[in-house]
Amino acid sequence: MESRAVETQRIIRTGTVWLAAAMIAPAMALGPLLASGWRPLEMPPPADVAFWLGALAAALGVAGLVWAGCPVLGFPLVQAHSQKVVCIRVGIVLNVSGMALAGLAILLSPV
């Protein structure tokens, strides 16, 4: 591992890239669906629960990626580094798994 300062800067840079990807991917997938008249409220009960759980997990992941991509302002470097390491790891996992769950709910829904 490199120094904490270098590693923290790397996390901030990659966190910004992950955040951009996390915002573009759902827009590309859901945009055409919503434009065609599809609405998540029309899904049957098991699928809508899976969709909304996935959407919630993805939103929490985005929050983690936002925090990972923010510059360090009010924390000492040791504390900021540990926060950013956890935030980027948890943010990526929550976002990707949440989008996968929501996407599967859409694809496997009979409507």
PDB file of N, CA and C in Angstrom:
ATOM      1  N   MET A   1       0.837  -1.183   0.000  1.00  0.00           N
ATOM      2  CA  MET A   1       0.000   0.000   0.000  1.00  0.00           C
ATOM      3  C   MET A   1       0.878   1.241   0.000  1.00  0.00           C
ATOM      4  N   GLU A   2       0.458   2.207  -0.771  1.00  0.00           N
ATOM      5  CA  GLU A   2       1.178   3.468  -0.804  1.00  0.00           C
ATOM      6  C   GLU A   2       0.847   4.271   0.448  1.00  0.00           C
ATOM      7  N   SER A   3       1.341   5.477   0.529  1.00  0.00           N
ATOM      8  CA  SER A   3       1.061   6.297   1.705  1.00  0.00           C
ATOM      9  C   SER A   3      -0.427   6.605   1.788  1.00  0.00           C
ATOM     10  N   ARG A   4      -0.884   6.952   2.977  1.00  0.00           N
ATOM     11  CA  ARG A   4      -2.306   7.251   3.170  1.00  0.00           C
ATOM     12  C   ARG A   4      -2.766   8.416   2.297  1.00  0.00           C
ATOM     13  N   ALA A   5      -1.926   9.412   2.149  1.00  0.00           N
ATOM     14  CA  ALA A   5      -2.315  10.578   1.346  1.00  0.00           C
ATOM     15  C   ALA A   5      -2.510  10.192  -0.118  1.00  0.00           C
ATOM     16  N   VAL A   6      -1.589   9.400  -0.658  1.00  0.00           N
ATOM     17  CA  VAL A   6      -1.697   8.979  -2.057  1.00  0.00           C
ATOM     18  C   VAL A   6      -2.899   8.059  -2.242  1.00  0.00           C
ATOM     19  N   GLU A   7      -3.079   7.134  -1.311  1.00  0.00           N
ATOM     20  CA  GLU A   7      -4.214   6.206  -1.386  1.00  0.00           C
ATOM     21  C   GLU A   7      -5.547   6.952  -1.273  1.00  0.00           C
ATOM     22  N   THR A   8      -5.618   7.946  -0.406  1.00  0.00           N
ATOM     23  CA  THR A   8      -6.844   8.734  -0.259  1.00  0.00           C
ATOM     24  C   THR A   8      -7.142   9.516  -1.536  1.00  0.00           C
ATOM     25  N   GLN A   9      -6.130  10.089  -2.157  1.00  0.00           N
ATOM     26  CA  GLN A   9      -6.332  10.791  -3.431  1.00  0.00           C
ATOM     27  C   GLN A   9      -6.814   9.842  -4.519  1.00  0.00           C
ATOM     28  N   ARG A  10      -6.274   8.617  -4.535  1.00  0.00           N
ATOM     29  CA  ARG A  10      -6.710   7.629  -5.519  1.00  0.00           C
ATOM     30  C   ARG A  10      -8.179   7.266  -5.306  1.00  0.00           C
ATOM     31  N   ILE A  11      -8.572   7.098  -4.044  1.00  0.00           N
ATOM     32  CA  ILE A  11      -9.968   6.774  -3.736  1.00  0.00           C
ATOM     33  C   ILE A  11     -10.888   7.911  -4.169  1.00  0.00           C
ATOM     34  N   ILE A  12     -10.468   9.143  -3.945  1.00  0.00           N
ATOM     35  CA  ILE A  12     -11.286  10.290  -4.351  1.00  0.00           C
ATOM     36  C   ILE A  12     -11.456  10.306  -5.867  1.00  0.00           C
ATOM     37  N   ARG A  13     -10.369  10.062  -6.622  1.00  0.00           N
ATOM     38  CA  ARG A  13     -10.467  10.042  -8.089  1.00  0.00           C
ATOM     39  C   ARG A  13     -11.342   8.896  -8.580  1.00  0.00           C
ATOM     40  N   THR A  14     -11.106   7.695  -8.072  1.00  0.00           N
ATOM     41  CA  THR A  14     -11.890   6.553  -8.551  1.00  0.00           C
ATOM     42  C   THR A  14     -13.325   6.616  -8.039  1.00  0.00           C
ATOM     43  N   GLY A  15     -13.527   7.196  -6.865  1.00  0.00           N
ATOM     44  CA  GLY A  15     -14.888   7.362  -6.354  1.00  0.00           C
ATOM     45  C   GLY A  15     -15.715   8.252  -7.260  1.00  0.00           C
ATOM     46  N   THR A  16     -15.096   9.260  -7.826  1.00  0.00           N
ATOM     47  CA  THR A  16     -15.788  10.146  -8.753  1.00  0.00           C
ATOM     48  C   THR A  16     -16.173   9.407 -10.034  1.00  0.00           C
ATOM     49  N   VAL A  17     -15.279   8.557 -10.518  1.00  0.00           N
ATOM     50  CA  VAL A  17     -15.567   7.779 -11.729  1.00  0.00           C
ATOM     51  C   VAL A  17     -16.684   6.775 -11.460  1.00  0.00           C
ATOM     52  N   TRP A  18     -16.613   6.083 -10.315  1.00  0.00           N
ATOM     53  CA  TRP A  18     -17.674   5.127  -9.956  1.00  0.00           C
ATOM     54  C   TRP A  18     -19.009   5.842  -9.804  1.00  0.00           C
ATOM     55  N   LEU A  19     -18.991   7.035  -9.235  1.00  0.00           N
ATOM     56  CA  LEU A  19     -20.231   7.794  -9.067  1.00  0.00           C
ATOM     57  C   LEU A  19     -20.835   8.152 -10.424  1.00  0.00           C
ATOM     58  N   ALA A  20     -20.000   8.577 -11.352  1.00  0.00           N
ATOM     59  CA  ALA A  20     -20.509   8.899 -12.687  1.00  0.00           C
ATOM     60  C   ALA A  20     -21.130   7.666 -13.341  1.00  0.00           C
ATOM     61  N   ALA A  21     -20.468   6.531 -13.217  1.00  0.00           N
ATOM     62  CA  ALA A  21     -21.013   5.291 -13.789  1.00  0.00           C
ATOM     63  C   ALA A  21     -22.310   4.892 -13.094  1.00  0.00           C
ATOM     64  N   ALA A  22     -22.371   5.110 -11.781  1.00  0.00           N
ATOM     65  CA  ALA A  22     -23.573   4.750 -11.018  1.00  0.00           C
ATOM     66  C   ALA A  22     -24.753   5.640 -11.371  1.00  0.00           C
ATOM     67  N   MET A  23     -24.511   6.815 -11.881  1.00  0.00           N
ATOM     68  CA  MET A  23     -25.601   7.701 -12.276  1.00  0.00           C
ATOM     69  C   MET A  23     -26.017   7.477 -13.732  1.00  0.00           C
ATOM     70  N   ILE A  24     -25.073   7.125 -14.592  1.00  0.00           N
ATOM     71  CA  ILE A  24     -25.376   6.966 -16.013  1.00  0.00           C
ATOM     72  C   ILE A  24     -26.054   5.629 -16.297  1.00  0.00           C
ATOM     73  N   ALA A  25     -25.604   4.549 -15.654  1.00  0.00           N
ATOM     74  CA  ALA A  25     -26.126   3.207 -15.957  1.00  0.00           C
ATOM     75  C   ALA A  25     -27.636   3.081 -15.732  1.00  0.00           C
ATOM     76  N   PRO A  26     -28.173   3.495 -14.575  1.00  0.00           N
ATOM     77  CA  PRO A  26     -29.624   3.367 -14.424  1.00  0.00           C
ATOM     78  C   PRO A  26     -30.407   4.286 -15.360  1.00  0.00           C
ATOM     79  N   ALA A  27     -29.849   5.439 -15.658  1.00  0.00           N
ATOM     80  CA  ALA A  27     -30.542   6.353 -16.572  1.00  0.00           C
ATOM     81  C   ALA A  27     -30.643   5.753 -17.971  1.00  0.00           C
ATOM     82  N   MET A  28     -29.592   5.056 -18.392  1.00  0.00           N
ATOM     83  CA  MET A  28     -29.626   4.427 -19.712  1.00  0.00           C
ATOM     84  C   MET A  28     -30.596   3.250 -19.746  1.00  0.00           C
ATOM     85  N   ALA A  29     -30.731   2.547 -18.630  1.00  0.00           N
ATOM     86  CA  ALA A  29     -31.620   1.386 -18.594  1.00  0.00           C
ATOM     87  C   ALA A  29     -33.076   1.789 -18.360  1.00  0.00           C
ATOM     88  N   LEU A  30     -33.296   2.701 -17.421  1.00  0.00           N
ATOM     89  CA  LEU A  30     -34.671   3.059 -17.063  1.00  0.00           C
ATOM     90  C   LEU A  30     -35.275   4.138 -17.960  1.00  0.00           C
ATOM     91  N   GLY A  31     -34.449   4.943 -18.588  1.00  0.00           N
ATOM     92  CA  GLY A  31     -34.956   6.016 -19.437  1.00  0.00           C
ATOM     93  C   GLY A  31     -35.899   5.530 -20.526  1.00  0.00           C
ATOM     94  N   PRO A  32     -35.473   4.579 -21.351  1.00  0.00           N
ATOM     95  CA  PRO A  32     -36.387   4.082 -22.388  1.00  0.00           C
ATOM     96  C   PRO A  32     -37.630   3.396 -21.814  1.00  0.00           C
ATOM     97  N   LEU A  33     -37.467   2.692 -20.692  1.00  0.00           N
ATOM     98  CA  LEU A  33     -38.631   2.043 -20.075  1.00  0.00           C
ATOM     99  C   LEU A  33     -39.659   3.072 -19.625  1.00  0.00           C
ATOM    100  N   LEU A  34     -39.197   4.094 -18.942  1.00  0.00           N
ATOM    101  CA  LEU A  34     -40.114   5.130 -18.462  1.00  0.00           C
ATOM    102  C   LEU A  34     -40.725   5.917 -19.618  1.00  0.00           C
ATOM    103  N   ALA A  35     -39.941   6.143 -20.661  1.00  0.00           N
ATOM    104  CA  ALA A  35     -40.461   6.875 -21.817  1.00  0.00           C
ATOM    105  C   ALA A  35     -41.542   6.083 -22.550  1.00  0.00           C
ATOM    106  N   SER A  36     -41.469   4.762 -22.460  1.00  0.00           N
ATOM    107  CA  SER A  36     -42.468   3.939 -23.144  1.00  0.00           C
ATOM    108  C   SER A  36     -43.743   3.762 -22.333  1.00  0.00           C
ATOM    109  N   GLY A  37     -43.778   4.316 -21.125  1.00  0.00           N
ATOM    110  CA  GLY A  37     -44.991   4.245 -20.318  1.00  0.00           C
ATOM    111  C   GLY A  37     -44.930   3.265 -19.167  1.00  0.00           C
ATOM    112  N   TRP A  38     -43.835   2.531 -19.031  1.00  0.00           N
ATOM    113  CA  TRP A  38     -43.695   1.585 -17.923  1.00  0.00           C
ATOM    114  C   TRP A  38     -43.539   2.336 -16.608  1.00  0.00           C
ATOM    115  N   ARG A  39     -44.147   1.846 -15.558  1.00  0.00           N
ATOM    116  CA  ARG A  39     -44.032   2.435 -14.225  1.00  0.00           C
ATOM    117  C   ARG A  39     -43.765   1.329 -13.214  1.00  0.00           C
ATOM    118  N   PRO A  40     -42.891   1.552 -12.243  1.00  0.00           N
ATOM    119  CA  PRO A  40     -42.595   0.514 -11.253  1.00  0.00           C
ATOM    120  C   PRO A  40     -43.802   0.149 -10.397  1.00  0.00           C
ATOM    121  N   LEU A  41     -44.746   1.061 -10.255  1.00  0.00           N
ATOM    122  CA  LEU A  41     -45.924   0.766  -9.434  1.00  0.00           C
ATOM    123  C   LEU A  41     -46.845  -0.263 -10.080  1.00  0.00           C
ATOM    124  N   GLU A  42     -46.655  -0.539 -11.351  1.00  0.00           N
ATOM    125  CA  GLU A  42     -47.478  -1.521 -12.052  1.00  0.00           C
ATOM    126  C   GLU A  42     -46.953  -2.950 -11.909  1.00  0.00           C
ATOM    127  N   MET A  43     -45.821  -3.116 -11.241  1.00  0.00           N
ATOM    128  CA  MET A  43     -45.241  -4.456 -11.093  1.00  0.00           C
ATOM    129  C   MET A  43     -46.038  -5.263 -10.069  1.00  0.00           C
ATOM    130  N   PRO A  44     -46.092  -6.591 -10.217  1.00  0.00           N
ATOM    131  CA  PRO A  44     -46.784  -7.423  -9.227  1.00  0.00           C
ATOM    132  C   PRO A  44     -46.018  -7.440  -7.903  1.00  0.00           C
ATOM    133  N   PRO A  45     -46.690  -7.788  -6.801  1.00  0.00           N
ATOM    134  CA  PRO A  45     -46.100  -7.663  -5.464  1.00  0.00           C
ATOM    135  C   PRO A  45     -44.712  -8.269  -5.235  1.00  0.00           C
ATOM    136  N   PRO A  46     -44.383  -9.489  -5.607  1.00  0.00           N
ATOM    137  CA  PRO A  46     -43.016  -9.923  -5.287  1.00  0.00           C
ATOM    138  C   PRO A  46     -41.965  -9.133  -6.055  1.00  0.00           C
ATOM    139  N   ALA A  47     -42.263  -8.800  -7.297  1.00  0.00           N
ATOM    140  CA  ALA A  47     -41.289  -8.087  -8.116  1.00  0.00           C
ATOM    141  C   ALA A  47     -41.131  -6.637  -7.669  1.00  0.00           C
ATOM    142  N   ASP A  48     -42.215  -6.004  -7.243  1.00  0.00           N
ATOM    143  CA  ASP A  48     -42.086  -4.603  -6.832  1.00  0.00           C
ATOM    144  C   ASP A  48     -41.288  -4.468  -5.544  1.00  0.00           C
ATOM    145  N   VAL A  49     -41.420  -5.433  -4.641  1.00  0.00           N
ATOM    146  CA  VAL A  49     -40.610  -5.399  -3.412  1.00  0.00           C
ATOM    147  C   VAL A  49     -39.135  -5.547  -3.762  1.00  0.00           C
ATOM    148  N   ALA A  50     -38.822  -6.484  -4.651  1.00  0.00           N
ATOM    149  CA  ALA A  50     -37.427  -6.670  -5.064  1.00  0.00           C
ATOM    150  C   ALA A  50     -36.903  -5.422  -5.766  1.00  0.00           C
ATOM    151  N   PHE A  51     -37.729  -4.816  -6.611  1.00  0.00           N
ATOM    152  CA  PHE A  51     -37.307  -3.610  -7.317  1.00  0.00           C
ATOM    153  C   PHE A  51     -36.987  -2.483  -6.341  1.00  0.00           C
ATOM    154  N   TRP A  52     -37.895  -2.236  -5.390  1.00  0.00           N
ATOM    155  CA  TRP A  52     -37.685  -1.119  -4.467  1.00  0.00           C
ATOM    156  C   TRP A  52     -36.556  -1.399  -3.486  1.00  0.00           C
ATOM    157  N   LEU A  53     -36.348  -2.658  -3.083  1.00  0.00           N
ATOM    158  CA  LEU A  53     -35.182  -2.985  -2.249  1.00  0.00           C
ATOM    159  C   LEU A  53     -33.892  -2.751  -3.025  1.00  0.00           C
ATOM    160  N   GLY A  54     -33.889  -3.149  -4.287  1.00  0.00           N
ATOM    161  CA  GLY A  54     -32.721  -2.899  -5.123  1.00  0.00           C
ATOM    162  C   GLY A  54     -32.468  -1.416  -5.330  1.00  0.00           C
ATOM    163  N   ALA A  55     -33.540  -0.665  -5.545  1.00  0.00           N
ATOM    164  CA  ALA A  55     -33.391   0.782  -5.726  1.00  0.00           C
ATOM    165  C   ALA A  55     -32.863   1.444  -4.457  1.00  0.00           C
ATOM    166  N   LEU A  56     -33.353   0.983  -3.296  1.00  0.00           N
ATOM    167  CA  LEU A  56     -32.862   1.527  -2.030  1.00  0.00           C
ATOM    168  C   LEU A  56     -31.390   1.192  -1.821  1.00  0.00           C
ATOM    169  N   ALA A  57     -31.005  -0.052  -2.094  1.00  0.00           N
ATOM    170  CA  ALA A  57     -29.597  -0.442  -1.955  1.00  0.00           C
ATOM    171  C   ALA A  57     -28.719   0.363  -2.906  1.00  0.00           C
ATOM    172  N   ALA A  58     -29.174   0.551  -4.140  1.00  0.00           N
ATOM    173  CA  ALA A  58     -28.403   1.335  -5.103  1.00  0.00           C
ATOM    174  C   ALA A  58     -28.274   2.789  -4.653  1.00  0.00           C
ATOM    175  N   ALA A  59     -29.335   3.345  -4.087  1.00  0.00           N
ATOM    176  CA  ALA A  59     -29.281   4.732  -3.598  1.00  0.00           C
ATOM    177  C   ALA A  59     -28.316   4.864  -2.427  1.00  0.00           C
ATOM    178  N   LEU A  60     -28.321   3.889  -1.522  1.00  0.00           N
ATOM    179  CA  LEU A  60     -27.360   3.918  -0.417  1.00  0.00           C
ATOM    180  C   LEU A  60     -25.936   3.776  -0.942  1.00  0.00           C
ATOM    181  N   GLY A  61     -25.767   2.963  -1.977  1.00  0.00           N
ATOM    182  CA  GLY A  61     -24.454   2.838  -2.603  1.00  0.00           C
ATOM    183  C   GLY A  61     -23.995   4.141  -3.226  1.00  0.00           C
ATOM    184  N   VAL A  62     -24.911   4.859  -3.859  1.00  0.00           N
ATOM    185  CA  VAL A  62     -24.572   6.165  -4.432  1.00  0.00           C
ATOM    186  C   VAL A  62     -24.145   7.129  -3.327  1.00  0.00           C
ATOM    187  N   ALA A  63     -24.834   7.083  -2.193  1.00  0.00           N
ATOM    188  CA  ALA A  63     -24.446   7.951  -1.069  1.00  0.00           C
ATOM    189  C   ALA A  63     -23.028   7.628  -0.609  1.00  0.00           C
ATOM    190  N   GLY A  64     -22.693   6.348  -0.545  1.00  0.00           N
ATOM    191  CA  GLY A  64     -21.329   5.960  -0.180  1.00  0.00           C
ATOM    192  C   GLY A  64     -20.312   6.430  -1.203  1.00  0.00           C
ATOM    193  N   LEU A  65     -20.655   6.336  -2.478  1.00  0.00           N
ATOM    194  CA  LEU A  65     -19.739   6.789  -3.525  1.00  0.00           C
ATOM    195  C   LEU A  65     -19.582   8.309  -3.516  1.00  0.00           C
ATOM    196  N   VAL A  66     -20.648   9.022  -3.183  1.00  0.00           N
ATOM    197  CA  VAL A  66     -20.543  10.481  -3.055  1.00  0.00           C
ATOM    198  C   VAL A  66     -19.567  10.833  -1.942  1.00  0.00           C
ATOM    199  N   TRP A  67     -19.700  10.146  -0.812  1.00  0.00           N
ATOM    200  CA  TRP A  67     -18.803  10.429   0.308  1.00  0.00           C
ATOM    201  C   TRP A  67     -17.367  10.045  -0.035  1.00  0.00           C
ATOM    202  N   ALA A  68     -17.186   8.946  -0.763  1.00  0.00           N
ATOM    203  CA  ALA A  68     -15.836   8.529  -1.144  1.00  0.00           C
ATOM    204  C   ALA A  68     -15.213   9.518  -2.124  1.00  0.00           C
ATOM    205  N   GLY A  69     -16.021  10.126  -2.982  1.00  0.00           N
ATOM    206  CA  GLY A  69     -15.493  11.050  -3.971  1.00  0.00           C
ATOM    207  C   GLY A  69     -15.314  12.474  -3.489  1.00  0.00           C
ATOM    208  N   CYS A  70     -15.821  12.782  -2.289  1.00  0.00           N
ATOM    209  CA  CYS A  70     -15.688  14.141  -1.747  1.00  0.00           C
ATOM    210  C   CYS A  70     -14.254  14.410  -1.312  1.00  0.00           C
ATOM    211  N   PRO A  71     -13.787  15.626  -1.476  1.00  0.00           N
ATOM    212  CA  PRO A  71     -12.469  15.963  -0.949  1.00  0.00           C
ATOM    213  C   PRO A  71     -12.471  15.930   0.580  1.00  0.00           C
ATOM    214  N   VAL A  72     -11.309  15.707   1.141  1.00  0.00           N
ATOM    215  CA  VAL A  72     -11.167  15.659   2.595  1.00  0.00           C
ATOM    216  C   VAL A  72     -11.124  17.092   3.105  1.00  0.00           C
ATOM    217  N   LEU A  73     -12.090  17.447   3.951  1.00  0.00           N
ATOM    218  CA  LEU A  73     -12.143  18.819   4.444  1.00  0.00           C
ATOM    219  C   LEU A  73     -11.963  18.912   5.953  1.00  0.00           C
ATOM    220  N   GLY A  74     -12.756  18.190   6.713  1.00  0.00           N
ATOM    221  CA  GLY A  74     -12.781  18.423   8.144  1.00  0.00           C
ATOM    222  C   GLY A  74     -12.265  17.296   9.009  1.00  0.00           C
ATOM    223  N   PHE A  75     -11.602  16.311   8.413  1.00  0.00           N
ATOM    224  CA  PHE A  75     -11.135  15.177   9.201  1.00  0.00           C
ATOM    225  C   PHE A  75      -9.626  15.039   9.069  1.00  0.00           C
ATOM    226  N   PRO A  76      -8.977  14.526  10.099  1.00  0.00           N
ATOM    227  CA  PRO A  76      -7.555  14.208   9.952  1.00  0.00           C
ATOM    228  C   PRO A  76      -7.380  13.118   8.888  1.00  0.00           C
ATOM    229  N   LEU A  77      -6.207  13.048   8.296  1.00  0.00           N
ATOM    230  CA  LEU A  77      -5.964  12.130   7.187  1.00  0.00           C
ATOM    231  C   LEU A  77      -6.201  10.673   7.570  1.00  0.00           C
ATOM    232  N   VAL A  78      -5.804  10.273   8.756  1.00  0.00           N
ATOM    233  CA  VAL A  78      -5.985   8.879   9.175  1.00  0.00           C
ATOM    234  C   VAL A  78      -7.469   8.531   9.223  1.00  0.00           C
ATOM    235  N   GLN A  79      -8.268   9.398   9.793  1.00  0.00           N
ATOM    236  CA  GLN A  79      -9.708   9.152   9.889  1.00  0.00           C
ATOM    237  C   GLN A  79     -10.371   9.235   8.514  1.00  0.00           C
ATOM    238  N   ALA A  80      -9.993  10.206   7.707  1.00  0.00           N
ATOM    239  CA  ALA A  80     -10.574  10.347   6.370  1.00  0.00           C
ATOM    240  C   ALA A  80     -10.238   9.139   5.502  1.00  0.00           C
ATOM    241  N   HIS A  81      -9.011   8.648   5.624  1.00  0.00           N
ATOM    242  CA  HIS A  81      -8.609   7.480   4.832  1.00  0.00           C
ATOM    243  C   HIS A  81      -9.455   6.264   5.187  1.00  0.00           C
ATOM    244  N   SER A  82      -9.631   6.008   6.465  1.00  0.00           N
ATOM    245  CA  SER A  82     -10.423   4.834   6.855  1.00  0.00           C
ATOM    246  C   SER A  82     -11.887   4.991   6.434  1.00  0.00           C
ATOM    247  N   GLN A  83     -12.434   6.200   6.522  1.00  0.00           N
ATOM    248  CA  GLN A  83     -13.810   6.437   6.069  1.00  0.00           C
ATOM    249  C   GLN A  83     -13.949   6.188   4.572  1.00  0.00           C
ATOM    250  N   LYS A  84     -13.008   6.694   3.801  1.00  0.00           N
ATOM    251  CA  LYS A  84     -13.104   6.576   2.352  1.00  0.00           C
ATOM    252  C   LYS A  84     -12.896   5.143   1.877  1.00  0.00           C
ATOM    253  N   VAL A  85     -12.033   4.391   2.553  1.00  0.00           N
ATOM    254  CA  VAL A  85     -11.842   2.981   2.194  1.00  0.00           C
ATOM    255  C   VAL A  85     -13.146   2.216   2.384  1.00  0.00           C
ATOM    256  N   VAL A  86     -13.799   2.418   3.515  1.00  0.00           N
ATOM    257  CA  VAL A  86     -15.068   1.729   3.777  1.00  0.00           C
ATOM    258  C   VAL A  86     -16.148   2.220   2.817  1.00  0.00           C
ATOM    259  N   CYS A  87     -16.236   3.523   2.609  1.00  0.00           N
ATOM    260  CA  CYS A  87     -17.297   4.085   1.763  1.00  0.00           C
ATOM    261  C   CYS A  87     -17.205   3.620   0.320  1.00  0.00           C
ATOM    262  N   ILE A  88     -16.005   3.562  -0.242  1.00  0.00           N
ATOM    263  CA  ILE A  88     -15.921   3.157  -1.646  1.00  0.00           C
ATOM    264  C   ILE A  88     -16.214   1.674  -1.793  1.00  0.00           C
ATOM    265  N   ARG A  89     -15.752   0.856  -0.854  1.00  0.00           N
ATOM    266  CA  ARG A  89     -16.016  -0.585  -0.950  1.00  0.00           C
ATOM    267  C   ARG A  89     -17.499  -0.893  -0.763  1.00  0.00           C
ATOM    268  N   VAL A  90     -18.079  -0.351   0.291  1.00  0.00           N
ATOM    269  CA  VAL A  90     -19.497  -0.600   0.561  1.00  0.00           C
ATOM    270  C   VAL A  90     -20.364   0.056  -0.516  1.00  0.00           C
ATOM    271  N   GLY A  91     -19.977   1.246  -0.958  1.00  0.00           N
ATOM    272  CA  GLY A  91     -20.746   1.941  -1.986  1.00  0.00           C
ATOM    273  C   GLY A  91     -20.801   1.178  -3.297  1.00  0.00           C
ATOM    274  N   ILE A  92     -19.667   0.632  -3.729  1.00  0.00           N
ATOM    275  CA  ILE A  92     -19.646  -0.138  -4.975  1.00  0.00           C
ATOM    276  C   ILE A  92     -20.500  -1.389  -4.843  1.00  0.00           C
ATOM    277  N   VAL A  93     -20.334  -2.111  -3.741  1.00  0.00           N
ATOM    278  CA  VAL A  93     -21.090  -3.359  -3.557  1.00  0.00           C
ATOM    279  C   VAL A  93     -22.587  -3.083  -3.491  1.00  0.00           C
ATOM    280  N   LEU A  94     -22.995  -2.104  -2.695  1.00  0.00           N
ATOM    281  CA  LEU A  94     -24.423  -1.800  -2.587  1.00  0.00           C
ATOM    282  C   LEU A  94     -25.004  -1.314  -3.912  1.00  0.00           C
ATOM    283  N   ASN A  95     -24.271  -0.456  -4.599  1.00  0.00           N
ATOM    284  CA  ASN A  95     -24.798   0.092  -5.841  1.00  0.00           C
ATOM    285  C   ASN A  95     -24.935  -0.979  -6.911  1.00  0.00           C
ATOM    286  N   VAL A  96     -23.908  -1.765  -7.116  1.00  0.00           N
ATOM    287  CA  VAL A  96     -23.958  -2.782  -8.169  1.00  0.00           C
ATOM    288  C   VAL A  96     -24.972  -3.871  -7.833  1.00  0.00           C
ATOM    289  N   SER A  97     -24.981  -4.322  -6.581  1.00  0.00           N
ATOM    290  CA  SER A  97     -25.937  -5.376  -6.219  1.00  0.00           C
ATOM    291  C   SER A  97     -27.369  -4.845  -6.223  1.00  0.00           C
ATOM    292  N   GLY A  98     -27.569  -3.611  -5.816  1.00  0.00           N
ATOM    293  CA  GLY A  98     -28.906  -3.023  -5.860  1.00  0.00           C
ATOM    294  C   GLY A  98     -29.420  -2.866  -7.278  1.00  0.00           C
ATOM    295  N   MET A  99     -28.547  -2.402  -8.180  1.00  0.00           N
ATOM    296  CA  MET A  99     -28.971  -2.282  -9.575  1.00  0.00           C
ATOM    297  C   MET A  99     -29.236  -3.656 -10.186  1.00  0.00           C
ATOM    298  N   ALA A 100     -28.439  -4.649  -9.805  1.00  0.00           N
ATOM    299  CA  ALA A 100     -28.668  -6.002 -10.323  1.00  0.00           C
ATOM    300  C   ALA A 100     -30.004  -6.555  -9.831  1.00  0.00           C
ATOM    301  N   LEU A 101     -30.306  -6.348  -8.548  1.00  0.00           N
ATOM    302  CA  LEU A 101     -31.575  -6.829  -8.004  1.00  0.00           C
ATOM    303  C   LEU A 101     -32.761  -6.129  -8.668  1.00  0.00           C
ATOM    304  N   ALA A 102     -32.673  -4.826  -8.807  1.00  0.00           N
ATOM    305  CA  ALA A 102     -33.760  -4.085  -9.457  1.00  0.00           C
ATOM    306  C   ALA A 102     -33.904  -4.495 -10.922  1.00  0.00           C
ATOM    307  N   GLY A 103     -32.791  -4.678 -11.594  1.00  0.00           N
ATOM    308  CA  GLY A 103     -32.844  -5.105 -12.990  1.00  0.00           C
ATOM    309  C   GLY A 103     -33.433  -6.493 -13.152  1.00  0.00           C
ATOM    310  N   LEU A 104     -33.055  -7.411 -12.258  1.00  0.00           N
ATOM    311  CA  LEU A 104     -33.641  -8.753 -12.311  1.00  0.00           C
ATOM    312  C   LEU A 104     -35.134  -8.719 -12.027  1.00  0.00           C
ATOM    313  N   ALA A 105     -35.537  -7.872 -11.095  1.00  0.00           N
ATOM    314  CA  ALA A 105     -36.968  -7.754 -10.797  1.00  0.00           C
ATOM    315  C   ALA A 105     -37.739  -7.274 -12.023  1.00  0.00           C
ATOM    316  N   ILE A 106     -37.149  -6.350 -12.769  1.00  0.00           N
ATOM    317  CA  ILE A 106     -37.805  -5.863 -13.988  1.00  0.00           C
ATOM    318  C   ILE A 106     -37.841  -6.963 -15.048  1.00  0.00           C
ATOM    319  N   LEU A 107     -36.708  -7.627 -15.238  1.00  0.00           N
ATOM    320  CA  LEU A 107     -36.636  -8.638 -16.297  1.00  0.00           C
ATOM    321  C   LEU A 107     -37.498  -9.859 -16.013  1.00  0.00           C
ATOM    322  N   LEU A 108     -37.601 -10.248 -14.739  1.00  0.00           N
ATOM    323  CA  LEU A 108     -38.357 -11.449 -14.391  1.00  0.00           C
ATOM    324  C   LEU A 108     -39.822 -11.169 -14.077  1.00  0.00           C
ATOM    325  N   SER A 109     -40.210  -9.913 -14.115  1.00  0.00           N
ATOM    326  CA  SER A 109     -41.598  -9.555 -13.847  1.00  0.00           C
ATOM    327  C   SER A 109     -42.479  -9.963 -15.026  1.00  0.00           C
ATOM    328  N   PRO A 110     -43.638 -10.568 -14.747  1.00  0.00           N
ATOM    329  CA  PRO A 110     -44.496 -10.998 -15.850  1.00  0.00           C
ATOM    330  C   PRO A 110     -45.176  -9.849 -16.594  1.00  0.00           C
ATOM    331  N   VAL A 111     -45.198  -8.667 -16.017  1.00  0.00           N
ATOM    332  CA  VAL A 111     -45.881  -7.540 -16.666  1.00  0.00           C
ATOM    333  C   VAL A 111     -44.933  -6.843 -17.606  1.00  0.00           C
TER     334      VAL A 111
END
